[in-house]
Amino acid sequence: MFIQKNFNFKGVMAFTGGHIVWLTIWATFVTAVFEMFHADWFLIPWLPLSVIGTAVAFYIGFKNNQAYDRLWEARKIWGSIVNSSRAWGSAVKAYTSNHFTDIEISPEELYYIKKKLIYRHIGWLYALRNQLLIPTPWEHINQGVHVARVARKRREQFGVGLVKDGVTESELKNFLPEEEYERLINYKNTATQIIDQQSQDLAQLRERGLIDDFRHVELQKILGDFYIHQGKAERIKKFPLPRQYGGMSVIFVGIFIFLLPFGMVSEFHKLGEVGAWVSIPFTVLVAWVYLVMELVGDYSENPFEGMGNDIPMLSLCRVIEIDLREMLDETELPAPIEAKNGVLM
């Protein structure tokens, strides 16, 4: 998640500056051909070009709206995970007691049970984050050589070196019981199986009388909420913005940028001898604006991609971890995740 209010010039150029080079080359080539051969037939009237530009702008606007909806929905899902996680910690702490059991257990054992349930949930958070960062075929890191290389570079640049630093594996080892770790980590969907393990533990607590039927049902409802939140996040991750919309916008922008210098030269040629050459910077500017609009939507449609536009899942996991461990009266807590290069992950 970008945390700066505005992008500075350096940041904008890092994101789109490379495109200015080929845009300038194309605009200069068209202008040079026109000036060298005086080819009036080479020009395109501005009216049909403006119609195409308007249509492309509407289309990109639609795509960007849908991309933003996916991004915002993903953030709401993780907001719900934060709320449900706090409810889980509070309920586990309050509901698990000797009040309904015939054979009381020691305060130490009771604390261990609560800690086990809360710690396993923290493990679920990191497991879910890890699963949501697994690349899908339509994400940038799985595209052509250049696009994939840029995506990997941005992952490292924006602090998602945290994708590769083993944080998930180390956190799972810290929060899952040793006897469970090897078994749960080998499932295809570890996060799902962690919640199922929580459910099995609740059933055992009910059998021992450490929770009654009402409290068992309430705790199970919260686990059901976690399944719902996980399913919603997986839906966004595993179902892309329909490619007929995402893919065609690239083609439309490409067609417009290809035709743009022909129309610009046509208009600026009317200004005099050097008018055609003046069209070059304006052509580059207009083309760059359309290209940036396309790129903004393209990089926003996948909110679990591991790049700067992502939902700050690691930061949210750490926030929840701190909250839940404080509920257990722990004092040696990890530090919140800090932003790196203007991006909070």
Protein backbone atom coordinates (compact mmCIF):
# COMPACT_ATOMS: atom_id res chain seq x y z
CA MET A 1 0.00 0.00 0.00
CA PHE A 2 1.46 3.36 -1.04
CA ILE A 3 1.37 5.65 2.01
CA GLN A 4 2.62 8.90 0.50
CA LYS A 5 -0.05 11.49 -0.23
CA ASN A 6 1.39 12.22 -3.65
CA PHE A 7 3.94 10.64 -5.94
CA ASN A 8 7.06 12.68 -6.56
CA PHE A 9 8.60 13.12 -9.98
CA LYS A 10 11.17 10.40 -9.35
CA GLY A 11 8.48 7.90 -8.37
CA VAL A 12 6.37 8.67 -11.43
CA MET A 13 9.36 8.31 -13.72
CA ALA A 14 10.34 5.02 -12.07
CA PHE A 15 6.86 3.69 -12.82
CA THR A 16 6.32 5.04 -16.34
CA GLY A 17 9.46 6.88 -17.42
CA GLY A 18 10.71 4.07 -19.63
CA HIS A 19 7.62 4.37 -21.82
CA ILE A 20 8.41 8.00 -22.62
CA VAL A 21 11.42 6.82 -24.61
CA TRP A 22 9.56 4.70 -27.13
CA LEU A 23 6.67 7.16 -27.28
CA THR A 24 9.15 9.88 -28.26
CA ILE A 25 10.80 7.64 -30.85
CA TRP A 26 7.46 6.81 -32.45
CA ALA A 27 6.23 10.43 -32.52
CA THR A 28 9.57 11.61 -33.94
CA PHE A 29 9.59 8.90 -36.62
CA VAL A 30 6.12 9.81 -37.89
CA THR A 31 6.96 13.52 -37.89
CA ALA A 32 10.28 12.96 -39.70
CA VAL A 33 8.65 10.84 -42.41
CA PHE A 34 6.02 13.53 -42.97
CA GLU A 35 8.60 16.33 -43.14
CA MET A 36 10.97 14.41 -45.41
CA PHE A 37 8.40 13.30 -47.99
CA HIS A 38 5.78 16.03 -47.53
CA ALA A 39 3.24 13.23 -47.55
CA ASP A 40 -0.13 14.93 -46.96
CA TRP A 41 -1.81 11.59 -47.57
CA PHE A 42 0.12 10.46 -44.49
CA LEU A 43 -2.09 12.52 -42.17
CA ILE A 44 -5.29 11.57 -40.36
CA PRO A 45 -8.09 14.11 -39.72
CA TRP A 46 -8.43 14.94 -36.03
CA LEU A 47 -12.19 14.21 -35.79
CA PRO A 48 -12.10 10.40 -36.17
CA LEU A 49 -9.02 10.26 -33.93
CA SER A 50 -10.78 12.26 -31.21
CA VAL A 51 -13.75 9.87 -31.38
CA ILE A 52 -11.41 6.92 -30.89
CA GLY A 53 -9.65 8.73 -28.00
CA THR A 54 -12.97 9.43 -26.28
CA ALA A 55 -14.10 5.82 -26.60
CA VAL A 56 -10.77 4.55 -25.26
CA ALA A 57 -10.95 6.95 -22.31
CA PHE A 58 -14.43 5.68 -21.38
CA TYR A 59 -13.27 2.09 -21.68
CA ILE A 60 -10.20 2.65 -19.50
CA GLY A 61 -12.39 4.45 -16.98
CA PHE A 62 -14.67 1.42 -16.76
CA LYS A 63 -11.71 -0.90 -16.30
CA ASN A 64 -10.16 1.27 -13.62
CA ASN A 65 -13.44 1.42 -11.72
CA GLN A 66 -13.61 -2.37 -11.67
CA ALA A 67 -9.96 -2.61 -10.63
CA TYR A 68 -10.58 -0.21 -7.75
CA ASP A 69 -13.62 -2.21 -6.67
CA ARG A 70 -11.48 -5.35 -6.43
CA LEU A 71 -8.82 -3.47 -4.45
CA TRP A 72 -11.32 -1.91 -2.06
CA GLU A 73 -13.20 -5.15 -1.53
CA ALA A 74 -9.92 -6.87 -0.64
CA ARG A 75 -9.22 -4.17 1.95
CA LYS A 76 -12.70 -4.60 3.44
CA ILE A 77 -12.14 -8.34 3.69
CA TRP A 78 -8.95 -7.83 5.68
CA GLY A 79 -10.70 -5.24 7.81
CA SER A 80 -13.26 -7.91 8.65
CA ILE A 81 -10.45 -10.35 9.45
CA VAL A 82 -9.03 -7.81 11.92
CA ASN A 83 -12.40 -7.42 13.65
CA SER A 84 -13.19 -11.14 13.76
CA SER A 85 -9.68 -11.92 15.04
CA ARG A 86 -10.10 -9.56 17.97
CA ALA A 87 -13.49 -11.09 18.68
CA TRP A 88 -11.91 -14.56 18.60
CA GLY A 89 -9.19 -13.61 21.08
CA SER A 90 -11.64 -11.96 23.44
CA ALA A 91 -14.12 -14.85 23.28
CA VAL A 92 -11.48 -17.54 23.77
CA LYS A 93 -10.11 -15.68 26.77
CA ALA A 94 -13.53 -15.12 28.36
CA TYR A 95 -15.35 -18.34 27.46
CA THR A 96 -12.75 -20.97 28.34
CA SER A 97 -13.04 -21.63 32.08
CA ASN A 98 -13.63 -24.19 34.84
CA HIS A 99 -17.17 -22.96 35.28
CA PHE A 100 -18.87 -25.93 33.60
CA THR A 101 -16.43 -28.76 34.26
CA ASP A 102 -16.64 -31.39 36.97
CA ILE A 103 -12.87 -31.72 37.18
CA GLU A 104 -11.15 -28.36 37.40
CA ILE A 105 -7.80 -27.84 35.72
CA SER A 106 -4.99 -25.59 36.90
CA PRO A 107 -4.78 -21.93 35.88
CA GLU A 108 -1.56 -22.75 34.05
CA GLU A 109 -3.23 -25.45 31.93
CA LEU A 110 -6.19 -23.17 31.30
CA TYR A 111 -3.83 -20.43 30.11
CA TYR A 112 -2.04 -22.91 27.85
CA ILE A 113 -5.34 -23.88 26.19
CA LYS A 114 -6.23 -20.24 25.54
CA LYS A 115 -2.75 -19.50 24.25
CA LYS A 116 -2.84 -22.51 21.94
CA LEU A 117 -6.13 -21.41 20.34
CA ILE A 118 -5.01 -17.80 19.97
CA TYR A 119 -1.54 -18.65 18.69
CA ARG A 120 -2.94 -21.10 16.15
CA HIS A 121 -5.16 -18.32 14.84
CA ILE A 122 -2.14 -16.05 14.40
CA GLY A 123 -0.56 -18.90 12.43
CA TRP A 124 -3.69 -18.97 10.27
CA LEU A 125 -3.21 -15.29 9.44
CA TYR A 126 0.33 -15.80 8.17
CA ALA A 127 -0.66 -18.97 6.30
CA LEU A 128 -3.51 -17.16 4.55
CA ARG A 129 -1.22 -14.28 3.61
CA ASN A 130 1.30 -16.71 2.15
CA GLN A 131 -1.36 -18.50 0.09
CA LEU A 132 -2.71 -15.22 -1.28
CA LEU A 133 0.79 -14.26 -2.48
CA ILE A 134 1.19 -17.38 -4.64
CA PRO A 135 1.32 -15.99 -8.24
CA THR A 136 -1.53 -16.76 -10.61
CA PRO A 137 -1.12 -17.07 -14.41
CA TRP A 138 -2.53 -13.60 -15.11
CA GLU A 139 -0.36 -11.69 -12.64
CA HIS A 140 2.61 -9.65 -13.86
CA ILE A 141 5.31 -11.92 -12.46
CA ASN A 142 4.11 -14.70 -14.80
CA GLN A 143 4.05 -12.59 -17.96
CA GLY A 144 6.72 -11.98 -20.59
CA VAL A 145 10.39 -11.73 -19.75
CA HIS A 146 10.51 -7.94 -19.40
CA VAL A 147 7.24 -7.58 -17.48
CA ALA A 148 8.16 -10.43 -15.12
CA ARG A 149 11.60 -8.94 -14.51
CA VAL A 150 10.09 -5.55 -13.65
CA ALA A 151 7.55 -7.21 -11.35
CA ARG A 152 10.27 -9.07 -9.44
CA LYS A 153 12.29 -5.87 -9.14
CA ARG A 154 9.32 -3.98 -7.74
CA ARG A 155 8.59 -6.76 -5.25
CA GLU A 156 12.07 -6.36 -3.83
CA GLN A 157 12.12 -2.57 -4.09
CA PHE A 158 8.89 -2.01 -2.20
CA GLY A 159 9.72 -4.16 0.77
CA VAL A 160 8.15 -7.34 -0.35
CA GLY A 161 11.51 -8.81 -0.05
CA LEU A 162 9.25 -9.86 2.82
CA VAL A 163 7.72 -12.29 0.35
CA LYS A 164 11.02 -14.15 0.14
CA ASP A 165 12.46 -13.72 3.62
CA GLY A 166 10.81 -16.80 5.14
CA VAL A 167 8.54 -14.74 7.36
CA THR A 168 5.56 -17.04 6.85
CA GLU A 169 7.47 -20.23 7.55
CA SER A 170 9.12 -18.82 10.66
CA GLU A 171 5.87 -17.39 11.99
CA LEU A 172 4.01 -20.66 11.46
CA LYS A 173 6.68 -22.50 13.44
CA ASN A 174 6.29 -19.97 16.24
CA PHE A 175 2.53 -20.19 16.47
CA LEU A 176 1.61 -23.75 15.58
CA PRO A 177 2.24 -26.57 18.08
CA GLU A 178 5.28 -28.55 17.04
CA GLU A 179 3.29 -31.76 16.62
CA GLU A 180 0.88 -29.97 14.25
CA TYR A 181 3.29 -27.96 12.15
CA GLU A 182 4.58 -30.74 9.87
CA ARG A 183 1.10 -32.12 9.34
CA LEU A 184 -0.67 -28.82 8.61
CA ILE A 185 2.07 -27.30 6.45
CA ASN A 186 1.82 -30.18 3.99
CA TYR A 187 -1.85 -29.67 3.18
CA LYS A 188 -2.71 -28.04 -0.14
CA ASN A 189 -4.73 -25.41 1.74
CA THR A 190 -3.01 -25.00 5.09
CA ALA A 191 -5.18 -22.07 6.17
CA THR A 192 -8.37 -24.11 5.77
CA GLN A 193 -6.96 -27.00 7.77
CA ILE A 194 -5.82 -24.70 10.57
CA ILE A 195 -9.38 -23.50 11.07
CA ASP A 196 -10.59 -27.09 10.98
CA GLN A 197 -8.06 -27.93 13.70
CA GLN A 198 -9.44 -25.08 15.78
CA SER A 199 -12.91 -26.58 15.38
CA GLN A 200 -11.67 -29.99 16.53
CA ASP A 201 -10.11 -28.43 19.62
CA LEU A 202 -13.36 -26.67 20.46
CA ALA A 203 -15.17 -30.00 20.29
CA GLN A 204 -12.66 -31.46 22.75
CA LEU A 205 -13.10 -28.50 25.09
CA ARG A 206 -16.85 -29.05 25.02
CA GLU A 207 -16.39 -32.72 25.89
CA ARG A 208 -14.23 -31.74 28.86
CA GLY A 209 -16.75 -29.17 30.00
CA LEU A 210 -14.40 -26.22 29.60
CA ILE A 211 -17.02 -24.51 27.46
CA ASP A 212 -20.77 -25.05 27.41
CA ASP A 213 -23.03 -25.53 24.37
CA PHE A 214 -23.79 -21.83 23.96
CA ARG A 215 -20.15 -20.80 24.10
CA HIS A 216 -19.19 -23.64 21.79
CA VAL A 217 -21.70 -22.42 19.21
CA GLU A 218 -20.53 -18.81 19.52
CA LEU A 219 -16.89 -19.72 19.06
CA GLN A 220 -17.77 -21.95 16.11
CA LYS A 221 -19.62 -19.03 14.51
CA ILE A 222 -16.45 -16.96 14.63
CA LEU A 223 -14.55 -19.79 12.95
CA GLY A 224 -17.27 -19.78 10.31
CA ASP A 225 -16.61 -16.07 9.79
CA PHE A 226 -12.95 -16.82 9.17
CA TYR A 227 -13.93 -19.32 6.46
CA ILE A 228 -16.13 -16.66 4.87
CA HIS A 229 -13.36 -14.06 4.93
CA GLN A 230 -10.87 -16.54 3.51
CA GLY A 231 -13.27 -17.58 0.75
CA LYS A 232 -13.88 -13.97 -0.26
CA ALA A 233 -10.15 -13.26 -0.46
CA GLU A 234 -9.57 -16.45 -2.48
CA ARG A 235 -12.33 -15.43 -4.88
CA ILE A 236 -10.51 -12.20 -5.70
CA LYS A 237 -7.17 -13.99 -5.91
CA LYS A 238 -8.30 -16.87 -8.09
CA PHE A 239 -10.76 -15.08 -10.37
CA PRO A 240 -9.16 -12.27 -12.40
CA LEU A 241 -10.73 -9.15 -13.75
CA PRO A 242 -12.33 -10.73 -16.86
CA ARG A 243 -9.59 -10.77 -19.45
CA GLN A 244 -11.91 -9.65 -22.23
CA TYR A 245 -11.97 -6.30 -20.41
CA GLY A 246 -8.42 -6.19 -19.11
CA GLY A 247 -6.83 -7.47 -22.31
CA MET A 248 -8.82 -5.44 -24.83
CA SER A 249 -8.06 -2.13 -23.10
CA VAL A 250 -4.35 -2.68 -23.82
CA ILE A 251 -5.16 -3.22 -27.50
CA PHE A 252 -7.38 -0.12 -27.67
CA VAL A 253 -4.76 2.07 -26.01
CA GLY A 254 -2.13 0.68 -28.39
CA ILE A 255 -4.26 1.49 -31.45
CA PHE A 256 -4.89 5.03 -30.19
CA ILE A 257 -1.20 5.66 -29.45
CA PHE A 258 -0.26 4.26 -32.88
CA LEU A 259 -2.63 6.65 -34.68
CA LEU A 260 -2.10 9.66 -32.40
CA PRO A 261 1.02 11.20 -34.03
CA PHE A 262 -0.64 11.11 -37.48
CA GLY A 263 -3.49 13.26 -36.17
CA MET A 264 -1.23 15.53 -34.12
CA VAL A 265 1.05 16.26 -37.07
CA SER A 266 -2.04 17.03 -39.13
CA GLU A 267 -3.18 19.70 -36.67
CA PHE A 268 0.18 21.23 -35.73
CA HIS A 269 1.29 21.39 -39.39
CA LYS A 270 -1.26 24.17 -39.78
CA LEU A 271 0.85 26.39 -37.45
CA GLY A 272 3.66 26.81 -39.94
CA GLU A 273 6.97 25.32 -40.98
CA VAL A 274 8.05 24.02 -37.57
CA GLY A 275 4.53 23.19 -36.42
CA ALA A 276 4.89 19.50 -37.19
CA TRP A 277 7.96 19.24 -34.95
CA VAL A 278 6.12 21.01 -32.12
CA SER A 279 3.59 18.19 -32.23
CA ILE A 280 6.13 15.71 -30.85
CA PRO A 281 6.08 16.74 -27.15
CA PHE A 282 2.28 17.09 -27.20
CA THR A 283 1.91 13.68 -28.82
CA VAL A 284 4.15 12.14 -26.16
CA LEU A 285 2.23 13.88 -23.37
CA VAL A 286 -1.21 12.77 -24.54
CA ALA A 287 -0.02 9.21 -25.23
CA TRP A 288 1.70 9.07 -21.84
CA VAL A 289 -1.49 10.11 -20.03
CA TYR A 290 -3.49 7.34 -21.72
CA LEU A 291 -0.73 4.83 -21.03
CA VAL A 292 -0.55 5.77 -17.34
CA MET A 293 -4.32 5.41 -16.99
CA GLU A 294 -4.03 1.92 -18.44
CA LEU A 295 -1.09 0.98 -16.18
CA VAL A 296 -2.79 2.26 -13.03
CA GLY A 297 -5.77 -0.01 -13.63
CA ASP A 298 -3.57 -2.89 -14.72
CA TYR A 299 -1.49 -2.81 -11.53
CA SER A 300 -4.50 -2.25 -9.26
CA GLU A 301 -6.68 -5.16 -10.33
CA ASN A 302 -4.67 -7.79 -8.40
CA PRO A 303 -4.56 -6.67 -4.73
CA PHE A 304 -2.67 -9.78 -3.55
CA GLU A 305 0.18 -9.66 -6.07
CA GLY A 306 3.02 -8.73 -3.72
CA MET A 307 3.72 -5.26 -5.14
CA GLY A 308 3.30 -1.68 -4.01
CA ASN A 309 -0.42 -1.42 -4.68
CA ASP A 310 -1.19 -4.46 -2.52
CA ILE A 311 -3.30 -4.69 0.58
CA PRO A 312 -0.79 -4.40 3.49
CA MET A 313 -1.40 -7.96 4.68
CA LEU A 314 1.85 -8.34 6.58
CA SER A 315 1.22 -5.13 8.50
CA LEU A 316 -2.33 -6.22 9.32
CA CYS A 317 -1.12 -9.66 10.44
CA ARG A 318 1.35 -7.98 12.77
CA VAL A 319 -1.32 -5.62 14.15
CA ILE A 320 -3.59 -8.57 14.92
CA GLU A 321 -0.69 -10.53 16.42
CA ILE A 322 0.14 -7.69 18.78
CA ASP A 323 -3.50 -7.26 19.83
CA LEU A 324 -4.03 -10.96 20.53
CA ARG A 325 -0.77 -11.43 22.39
CA GLU A 326 -1.58 -8.45 24.56
CA MET A 327 -4.85 -10.18 25.42
CA LEU A 328 -2.66 -12.98 26.80
CA ASP A 329 -0.85 -10.36 28.93
CA GLU A 330 2.38 -10.80 26.99
CA THR A 331 4.83 -7.91 27.08
CA GLU A 332 7.60 -9.02 24.72
CA LEU A 333 5.84 -8.11 21.50
CA PRO A 334 7.15 -7.70 17.94
CA ALA A 335 7.42 -4.24 16.47
CA PRO A 336 4.80 -3.07 13.94
CA ILE A 337 5.75 -3.40 10.29
CA GLU A 338 7.32 -0.20 9.00
CA ALA A 339 6.90 1.23 5.53
CA LYS A 340 9.81 0.78 3.11
CA ASN A 341 10.37 3.10 0.17
CA GLY A 342 6.99 4.68 0.76
CA VAL A 343 5.15 1.34 0.71
CA LEU A 344 3.56 -0.49 3.63
CA MET A 345 3.34 -4.24 3.08
